[in-house]
Amino acid sequence: MNSDALLSLLPYLAVFVALGLGGVAYWKDHQRRDQAWKDFAALHGWDITASWNEWSVDGLHRRRRFQLRTEYRRVGKNRSLYTMVYLDLGEAIPIGTRIRPEGLGRKLLKVIGKGDEEIGDAEFDNAFELTHLSDEVRAVLRTPDVRRQLLLLRQRFGTFVIDNEQLQAQLRGMPNSVEALESLVTPALQLSDALDRVVEARRERQHG
């Protein structure tokens, strides 16, 4: 093969090498991410199932069902990877009550006098869209620990909803370290703990 022929192959060789290096980097990143999810699940004593680009961690947090999983969702014409958190919250926020971050549309409706329900806390009421609140639920949401964890949850997740006694939260992308996974789920777990403390305190008063 003459030198001209070899030179003509160089662009193809460069592309082949670049693809190979990219594939190696992707595989290493996949392995690192997979190990992080396995370590995270083991740390909490939860089960994990994993396949190519799909992970699911399932277990119980203080006897309440918990799930962390990845899934692809279509956004416009594109498919994007999201990390989803599901956590049962129990009776403190009963079936029928709905809580989610307040969007721009709801804020505009408030301007013209068509707001949602409120608990009497300006910062909280401006942060959330609230539906079907009883006086008892308002008291729960005004509890300092519960209030703080809900506001932290709003900061951590782009989208979440509490409905039918369950939290459903989503974040675009996927954590690739144990620390990032812990940071993601901690506000949800601490909200559950705060709600449990409210219920326990209520039962103590009823039986005191």
C-alpha atoms as a PDB file:
ATOM      1  CA  MET A   1       0.000   0.000   0.000  1.00  0.00           C
ATOM      2  CA  ASN A   2       1.501   3.343  -1.028  1.00  0.00           C
ATOM      3  CA  SER A   3       1.756   6.436   1.155  1.00  0.00           C
ATOM      4  CA  ASP A   4      -1.147   8.191  -0.585  1.00  0.00           C
ATOM      5  CA  ALA A   5      -3.442   5.278   0.206  1.00  0.00           C
ATOM      6  CA  LEU A   6      -2.341   5.290   3.822  1.00  0.00           C
ATOM      7  CA  LEU A   7      -2.962   8.995   4.117  1.00  0.00           C
ATOM      8  CA  SER A   8      -6.450   8.564   2.710  1.00  0.00           C
ATOM      9  CA  LEU A   9      -7.212   6.096   5.516  1.00  0.00           C
ATOM     10  CA  LEU A  10      -6.112   8.402   8.309  1.00  0.00           C
ATOM     11  CA  PRO A  11      -9.478  10.216   8.695  1.00  0.00           C
ATOM     12  CA  TYR A  12     -11.264   6.879   9.021  1.00  0.00           C
ATOM     13  CA  LEU A  13      -8.687   5.658  11.502  1.00  0.00           C
ATOM     14  CA  ALA A  14      -9.103   8.830  13.563  1.00  0.00           C
ATOM     15  CA  VAL A  15     -12.880   8.323  13.659  1.00  0.00           C
ATOM     16  CA  PHE A  16     -12.431   4.682  14.678  1.00  0.00           C
ATOM     17  CA  VAL A  17     -10.059   5.610  17.508  1.00  0.00           C
ATOM     18  CA  ALA A  18     -12.377   8.392  18.709  1.00  0.00           C
ATOM     19  CA  LEU A  19     -15.351   6.017  18.750  1.00  0.00           C
ATOM     20  CA  GLY A  20     -13.308   3.441  20.627  1.00  0.00           C
ATOM     21  CA  LEU A  21     -12.181   5.914  23.258  1.00  0.00           C
ATOM     22  CA  GLY A  22     -15.721   7.214  23.605  1.00  0.00           C
ATOM     23  CA  GLY A  23     -17.040   3.687  24.061  1.00  0.00           C
ATOM     24  CA  VAL A  24     -14.454   2.904  26.743  1.00  0.00           C
ATOM     25  CA  ALA A  25     -15.298   6.134  28.600  1.00  0.00           C
ATOM     26  CA  TYR A  26     -19.030   5.382  28.405  1.00  0.00           C
ATOM     27  CA  TRP A  27     -18.510   1.839  29.696  1.00  0.00           C
ATOM     28  CA  LYS A  28     -16.406   3.048  32.619  1.00  0.00           C
ATOM     29  CA  ASP A  29     -19.039   5.647  33.483  1.00  0.00           C
ATOM     30  CA  HIS A  30     -21.745   2.974  33.283  1.00  0.00           C
ATOM     31  CA  GLN A  31     -19.790   0.705  35.641  1.00  0.00           C
ATOM     32  CA  ARG A  32     -19.158   3.532  38.096  1.00  0.00           C
ATOM     33  CA  ARG A  33     -22.833   4.481  38.096  1.00  0.00           C
ATOM     34  CA  ASP A  34     -23.945   0.869  38.478  1.00  0.00           C
ATOM     35  CA  GLN A  35     -21.623   0.341  41.447  1.00  0.00           C
ATOM     36  CA  ALA A  36     -22.807   3.560  43.094  1.00  0.00           C
ATOM     37  CA  TRP A  37     -26.436   2.439  42.913  1.00  0.00           C
ATOM     38  CA  LYS A  38     -25.560  -1.000  44.283  1.00  0.00           C
ATOM     39  CA  ASP A  39     -23.571   0.524  47.158  1.00  0.00           C
ATOM     40  CA  PHE A  40     -26.419   2.934  47.912  1.00  0.00           C
ATOM     41  CA  ALA A  41     -28.973   0.116  48.026  1.00  0.00           C
ATOM     42  CA  ALA A  42     -26.732  -2.005  50.254  1.00  0.00           C
ATOM     43  CA  LEU A  43     -26.200   0.911  52.625  1.00  0.00           C
ATOM     44  CA  HIS A  44     -29.949   1.047  53.313  1.00  0.00           C
ATOM     45  CA  GLY A  45     -30.632  -2.674  53.075  1.00  0.00           C
ATOM     46  CA  TRP A  46     -32.784  -2.195  49.977  1.00  0.00           C
ATOM     47  CA  ASP A  47     -33.113  -4.396  46.898  1.00  0.00           C
ATOM     48  CA  ILE A  48     -31.802  -3.353  43.490  1.00  0.00           C
ATOM     49  CA  THR A  49     -32.562  -4.506  39.979  1.00  0.00           C
ATOM     50  CA  ALA A  50     -30.526  -3.190  37.083  1.00  0.00           C
ATOM     51  CA  SER A  51     -30.388  -3.558  33.331  1.00  0.00           C
ATOM     52  CA  TRP A  52     -28.815  -1.476  30.607  1.00  0.00           C
ATOM     53  CA  ASN A  53     -29.485   2.175  31.576  1.00  0.00           C
ATOM     54  CA  GLU A  54     -32.353   1.234  33.909  1.00  0.00           C
ATOM     55  CA  TRP A  55     -32.044   0.930  37.674  1.00  0.00           C
ATOM     56  CA  SER A  56     -34.617   0.384  40.403  1.00  0.00           C
ATOM     57  CA  VAL A  57     -34.045   0.392  44.173  1.00  0.00           C
ATOM     58  CA  ASP A  58     -36.929  -0.901  46.310  1.00  0.00           C
ATOM     59  CA  GLY A  59     -37.411  -1.280  50.029  1.00  0.00           C
ATOM     60  CA  LEU A  60     -38.989   0.074  53.179  1.00  0.00           C
ATOM     61  CA  HIS A  61     -38.243   3.239  55.096  1.00  0.00           C
ATOM     62  CA  ARG A  62     -39.657   2.958  58.612  1.00  0.00           C
ATOM     63  CA  ARG A  63     -42.194   0.410  57.343  1.00  0.00           C
ATOM     64  CA  ARG A  64     -43.233   2.607  54.399  1.00  0.00           C
ATOM     65  CA  ARG A  65     -42.719   1.516  50.798  1.00  0.00           C
ATOM     66  CA  PHE A  66     -39.894   3.314  48.999  1.00  0.00           C
ATOM     67  CA  GLN A  67     -38.761   3.154  45.394  1.00  0.00           C
ATOM     68  CA  LEU A  68     -36.051   4.964  43.464  1.00  0.00           C
ATOM     69  CA  ARG A  69     -35.839   4.246  39.762  1.00  0.00           C
ATOM     70  CA  THR A  70     -34.764   5.615  36.421  1.00  0.00           C
ATOM     71  CA  GLU A  71     -37.001   5.860  33.406  1.00  0.00           C
ATOM     72  CA  TYR A  72     -37.006   7.523  30.027  1.00  0.00           C
ATOM     73  CA  ARG A  73     -39.740  10.065  29.339  1.00  0.00           C
ATOM     74  CA  ARG A  74     -40.605  11.819  26.141  1.00  0.00           C
ATOM     75  CA  VAL A  75     -40.213  15.595  26.290  1.00  0.00           C
ATOM     76  CA  GLY A  76     -41.342  17.087  23.020  1.00  0.00           C
ATOM     77  CA  LYS A  77     -39.618  15.087  20.308  1.00  0.00           C
ATOM     78  CA  ASN A  78     -36.817  13.877  22.564  1.00  0.00           C
ATOM     79  CA  ARG A  79     -36.531  11.149  25.176  1.00  0.00           C
ATOM     80  CA  SER A  80     -34.862  12.188  28.418  1.00  0.00           C
ATOM     81  CA  LEU A  81     -33.673  10.150  31.386  1.00  0.00           C
ATOM     82  CA  TYR A  82     -35.327  10.935  34.728  1.00  0.00           C
ATOM     83  CA  THR A  83     -34.788   9.664  38.247  1.00  0.00           C
ATOM     84  CA  MET A  84     -38.051   9.016  40.064  1.00  0.00           C
ATOM     85  CA  VAL A  85     -38.699   8.796  43.808  1.00  0.00           C
ATOM     86  CA  TYR A  86     -41.816   7.147  45.229  1.00  0.00           C
ATOM     87  CA  LEU A  87     -42.490   7.058  48.966  1.00  0.00           C
ATOM     88  CA  ASP A  88     -45.632   6.209  50.935  1.00  0.00           C
ATOM     89  CA  LEU A  89     -46.292   8.895  53.549  1.00  0.00           C
ATOM     90  CA  GLY A  90     -49.175   7.477  55.539  1.00  0.00           C
ATOM     91  CA  GLU A  91     -52.130   9.122  57.183  1.00  0.00           C
ATOM     92  CA  ALA A  92     -50.662  12.501  58.160  1.00  0.00           C
ATOM     93  CA  ILE A  93     -51.542  13.861  54.706  1.00  0.00           C
ATOM     94  CA  PRO A  94     -54.736  11.950  53.911  1.00  0.00           C
ATOM     95  CA  ILE A  95     -56.232  10.794  50.630  1.00  0.00           C
ATOM     96  CA  GLY A  96     -57.791  13.762  48.824  1.00  0.00           C
ATOM     97  CA  THR A  97     -55.183  16.294  49.904  1.00  0.00           C
ATOM     98  CA  ARG A  98     -52.828  17.283  47.097  1.00  0.00           C
ATOM     99  CA  ILE A  99     -49.582  19.266  47.408  1.00  0.00           C
ATOM    100  CA  ARG A 100     -47.242  20.291  44.616  1.00  0.00           C
ATOM    101  CA  PRO A 101     -44.949  23.214  43.785  1.00  0.00           C
ATOM    102  CA  GLU A 102     -46.853  26.224  42.581  1.00  0.00           C
ATOM    103  CA  GLY A 103     -46.343  26.958  38.901  1.00  0.00           C
ATOM    104  CA  LEU A 104     -46.506  30.217  36.996  1.00  0.00           C
ATOM    105  CA  GLY A 105     -50.059  29.576  35.833  1.00  0.00           C
ATOM    106  CA  ARG A 106     -51.322  29.245  39.398  1.00  0.00           C
ATOM    107  CA  LYS A 107     -49.440  32.381  40.445  1.00  0.00           C
ATOM    108  CA  LEU A 108     -51.158  34.321  37.643  1.00  0.00           C
ATOM    109  CA  LEU A 109     -54.541  33.003  38.756  1.00  0.00           C
ATOM    110  CA  LYS A 110     -53.835  34.276  42.269  1.00  0.00           C
ATOM    111  CA  VAL A 111     -53.288  37.759  40.856  1.00  0.00           C
ATOM    112  CA  ILE A 112     -56.853  37.796  39.534  1.00  0.00           C
ATOM    113  CA  GLY A 113     -58.266  36.367  42.741  1.00  0.00           C
ATOM    114  CA  LYS A 114     -58.504  32.681  41.797  1.00  0.00           C
ATOM    115  CA  GLY A 115     -55.958  31.273  44.190  1.00  0.00           C
ATOM    116  CA  ASP A 116     -55.698  27.850  45.741  1.00  0.00           C
ATOM    117  CA  GLU A 117     -56.100  26.953  49.400  1.00  0.00           C
ATOM    118  CA  GLU A 118     -53.679  28.316  52.003  1.00  0.00           C
ATOM    119  CA  ILE A 119     -52.370  27.555  55.490  1.00  0.00           C
ATOM    120  CA  GLY A 120     -51.749  31.176  56.530  1.00  0.00           C
ATOM    121  CA  ASP A 121     -47.978  31.127  55.988  1.00  0.00           C
ATOM    122  CA  ALA A 122     -47.023  33.522  53.168  1.00  0.00           C
ATOM    123  CA  GLU A 123     -43.757  31.814  52.164  1.00  0.00           C
ATOM    124  CA  PHE A 124     -45.315  28.361  52.189  1.00  0.00           C
ATOM    125  CA  ASP A 125     -48.502  29.438  50.423  1.00  0.00           C
ATOM    126  CA  ASN A 126     -46.496  31.126  47.659  1.00  0.00           C
ATOM    127  CA  ALA A 127     -44.365  27.993  47.210  1.00  0.00           C
ATOM    128  CA  PHE A 128     -47.105  25.370  46.902  1.00  0.00           C
ATOM    129  CA  GLU A 129     -50.384  24.642  45.223  1.00  0.00           C
ATOM    130  CA  LEU A 130     -52.631  23.125  47.894  1.00  0.00           C
ATOM    131  CA  THR A 131     -55.900  21.268  47.405  1.00  0.00           C
ATOM    132  CA  HIS A 132     -58.505  19.877  49.822  1.00  0.00           C
ATOM    133  CA  LEU A 133     -57.013  21.000  53.120  1.00  0.00           C
ATOM    134  CA  SER A 134     -58.742  20.260  56.395  1.00  0.00           C
ATOM    135  CA  ASP A 135     -57.942  22.210  59.560  1.00  0.00           C
ATOM    136  CA  GLU A 136     -56.035  19.156  60.759  1.00  0.00           C
ATOM    137  CA  VAL A 137     -53.894  19.045  57.614  1.00  0.00           C
ATOM    138  CA  ARG A 138     -53.221  22.780  57.882  1.00  0.00           C
ATOM    139  CA  ALA A 139     -51.914  22.202  61.405  1.00  0.00           C
ATOM    140  CA  VAL A 140     -49.666  19.397  60.110  1.00  0.00           C
ATOM    141  CA  LEU A 141     -48.230  21.599  57.346  1.00  0.00           C
ATOM    142  CA  ARG A 142     -47.540  24.426  59.789  1.00  0.00           C
ATOM    143  CA  THR A 143     -45.455  22.089  61.968  1.00  0.00           C
ATOM    144  CA  PRO A 144     -41.878  23.479  61.717  1.00  0.00           C
ATOM    145  CA  ASP A 145     -40.243  20.167  60.743  1.00  0.00           C
ATOM    146  CA  VAL A 146     -42.850  19.362  58.086  1.00  0.00           C
ATOM    147  CA  ARG A 147     -42.799  22.899  56.694  1.00  0.00           C
ATOM    148  CA  ARG A 148     -39.007  22.893  56.462  1.00  0.00           C
ATOM    149  CA  GLN A 149     -38.792  19.504  54.746  1.00  0.00           C
ATOM    150  CA  LEU A 150     -41.418  20.413  52.161  1.00  0.00           C
ATOM    151  CA  LEU A 151     -39.554  23.596  51.281  1.00  0.00           C
ATOM    152  CA  LEU A 152     -36.297  21.607  51.000  1.00  0.00           C
ATOM    153  CA  LEU A 153     -38.056  19.063  48.809  1.00  0.00           C
ATOM    154  CA  ARG A 154     -39.172  21.869  46.510  1.00  0.00           C
ATOM    155  CA  GLN A 155     -35.575  23.072  46.212  1.00  0.00           C
ATOM    156  CA  ARG A 156     -34.261  19.593  45.464  1.00  0.00           C
ATOM    157  CA  PHE A 157     -36.752  18.444  42.835  1.00  0.00           C
ATOM    158  CA  GLY A 158     -37.994  20.200  39.762  1.00  0.00           C
ATOM    159  CA  THR A 159     -41.349  18.446  39.994  1.00  0.00           C
ATOM    160  CA  PHE A 160     -43.151  16.530  42.715  1.00  0.00           C
ATOM    161  CA  VAL A 161     -46.651  15.841  43.955  1.00  0.00           C
ATOM    162  CA  ILE A 162     -48.086  14.453  47.186  1.00  0.00           C
ATOM    163  CA  ASP A 163     -51.369  12.716  46.430  1.00  0.00           C
ATOM    164  CA  ASN A 164     -53.179   9.633  47.749  1.00  0.00           C
ATOM    165  CA  GLU A 165     -50.790   9.467  50.735  1.00  0.00           C
ATOM    166  CA  GLN A 166     -47.772   9.086  48.444  1.00  0.00           C
ATOM    167  CA  LEU A 167     -44.915  11.307  47.343  1.00  0.00           C
ATOM    168  CA  GLN A 168     -43.913  11.154  43.683  1.00  0.00           C
ATOM    169  CA  ALA A 169     -40.883  13.227  42.713  1.00  0.00           C
ATOM    170  CA  GLN A 170     -38.748  13.434  39.609  1.00  0.00           C
ATOM    171  CA  LEU A 171     -35.411  14.893  38.632  1.00  0.00           C
ATOM    172  CA  ARG A 172     -34.004  15.072  35.142  1.00  0.00           C
ATOM    173  CA  GLY A 173     -30.805  13.074  34.811  1.00  0.00           C
ATOM    174  CA  MET A 174     -29.335  10.370  37.008  1.00  0.00           C
ATOM    175  CA  PRO A 175     -27.081  10.531  40.092  1.00  0.00           C
ATOM    176  CA  ASN A 176     -23.806   8.663  39.592  1.00  0.00           C
ATOM    177  CA  SER A 177     -22.412   8.532  43.144  1.00  0.00           C
ATOM    178  CA  VAL A 178     -23.579   7.364  46.553  1.00  0.00           C
ATOM    179  CA  GLU A 179     -23.311  10.940  47.837  1.00  0.00           C
ATOM    180  CA  ALA A 180     -25.514  12.265  45.034  1.00  0.00           C
ATOM    181  CA  LEU A 181     -28.089   9.536  45.625  1.00  0.00           C
ATOM    182  CA  GLU A 182     -28.174  10.282  49.352  1.00  0.00           C
ATOM    183  CA  SER A 183     -28.579  13.983  48.641  1.00  0.00           C
ATOM    184  CA  LEU A 184     -31.462  13.227  46.298  1.00  0.00           C
ATOM    185  CA  VAL A 185     -33.533  11.041  48.618  1.00  0.00           C
ATOM    186  CA  THR A 186     -32.757  12.617  52.006  1.00  0.00           C
ATOM    187  CA  PRO A 187     -35.406  15.392  51.828  1.00  0.00           C
ATOM    188  CA  ALA A 188     -38.083  12.804  50.987  1.00  0.00           C
ATOM    189  CA  LEU A 189     -37.051  10.443  53.791  1.00  0.00           C
ATOM    190  CA  GLN A 190     -36.820  13.282  56.302  1.00  0.00           C
ATOM    191  CA  LEU A 191     -40.267  14.519  55.286  1.00  0.00           C
ATOM    192  CA  SER A 192     -41.628  11.040  55.991  1.00  0.00           C
ATOM    193  CA  ASP A 193     -39.910  11.038  59.396  1.00  0.00           C
ATOM    194  CA  ALA A 194     -41.316  14.479  60.240  1.00  0.00           C
ATOM    195  CA  LEU A 195     -44.840  13.372  59.332  1.00  0.00           C
ATOM    196  CA  ASP A 196     -44.456  10.227  61.463  1.00  0.00           C
ATOM    197  CA  ARG A 197     -43.470  12.376  64.439  1.00  0.00           C
ATOM    198  CA  VAL A 198     -46.604  14.486  63.963  1.00  0.00           C
ATOM    199  CA  VAL A 199     -48.802  11.377  63.922  1.00  0.00           C
ATOM    200  CA  GLU A 200     -47.078   9.923  66.989  1.00  0.00           C
ATOM    201  CA  ALA A 201     -47.497  13.199  68.903  1.00  0.00           C
ATOM    202  CA  ARG A 202     -51.178  13.282  67.956  1.00  0.00           C
ATOM    203  CA  ARG A 203     -51.704   9.742  69.237  1.00  0.00           C
ATOM    204  CA  GLU A 204     -49.940  10.544  72.485  1.00  0.00           C
ATOM    205  CA  ARG A 205     -52.249  13.529  73.054  1.00  0.00           C
ATOM    206  CA  GLN A 206     -55.310  11.409  72.281  1.00  0.00           C
ATOM    207  CA  HIS A 207     -54.268   8.727  74.747  1.00  0.00           C
ATOM    208  CA  GLY A 208     -52.777  11.049  77.319  1.00  0.00           C
END
